[in-house]
């Protein structure tokens, strides 16, 4: 499916009001968009207390990661962590046509990472902010997420946790918390 600006605007509108309407109402709006703008978006899960990067890197379910998130509420796998991974060449770029299930796609606004998902059989599974987990085509995301211009080889959960520890050390946070 190609990049449809009308769909992406509608998805952005639904993303913008999420905090006012909640998971179920947002899902109903997004799934109902098929009557206005055709799409292939499917709901995987209504909630989860993790972001798109935590999901794509498999950190969301690791107890040691959640421990750090509880202690340091402003230290988490976000844009800054992804920039660390990119700048330190921890992520290995691949061509889109070579992406395999489990590989990662990162959406950018220029050079700034805005969103990430996991490639699964020609689709992307991604967590939309504090909202739900979705299965969709590459360009079936809110417009603020930018474009999926880069794909990367899968990072195993444990390796992502090691990278996170390395990032914490670079920020002067003691590893003894982990």
Foldseek 3Di string as FASTA:
>chain_A
DDADPVLQAQQQVLLVCCVVPHQVVSVCSNVVCCVVPNFDKDFDWWFAADFFQCVLQVVRPDPLQVLVCVVDVVQHPDQVLVVVCVVVVVWAWDDPVPADFSKKFFADDVNGTQGMFTDDPQWTWGGSGRGGIMTGHQNSHHVVRHHRPIITGHHHNVRVVVSSLVVCVVVVHDPVSD
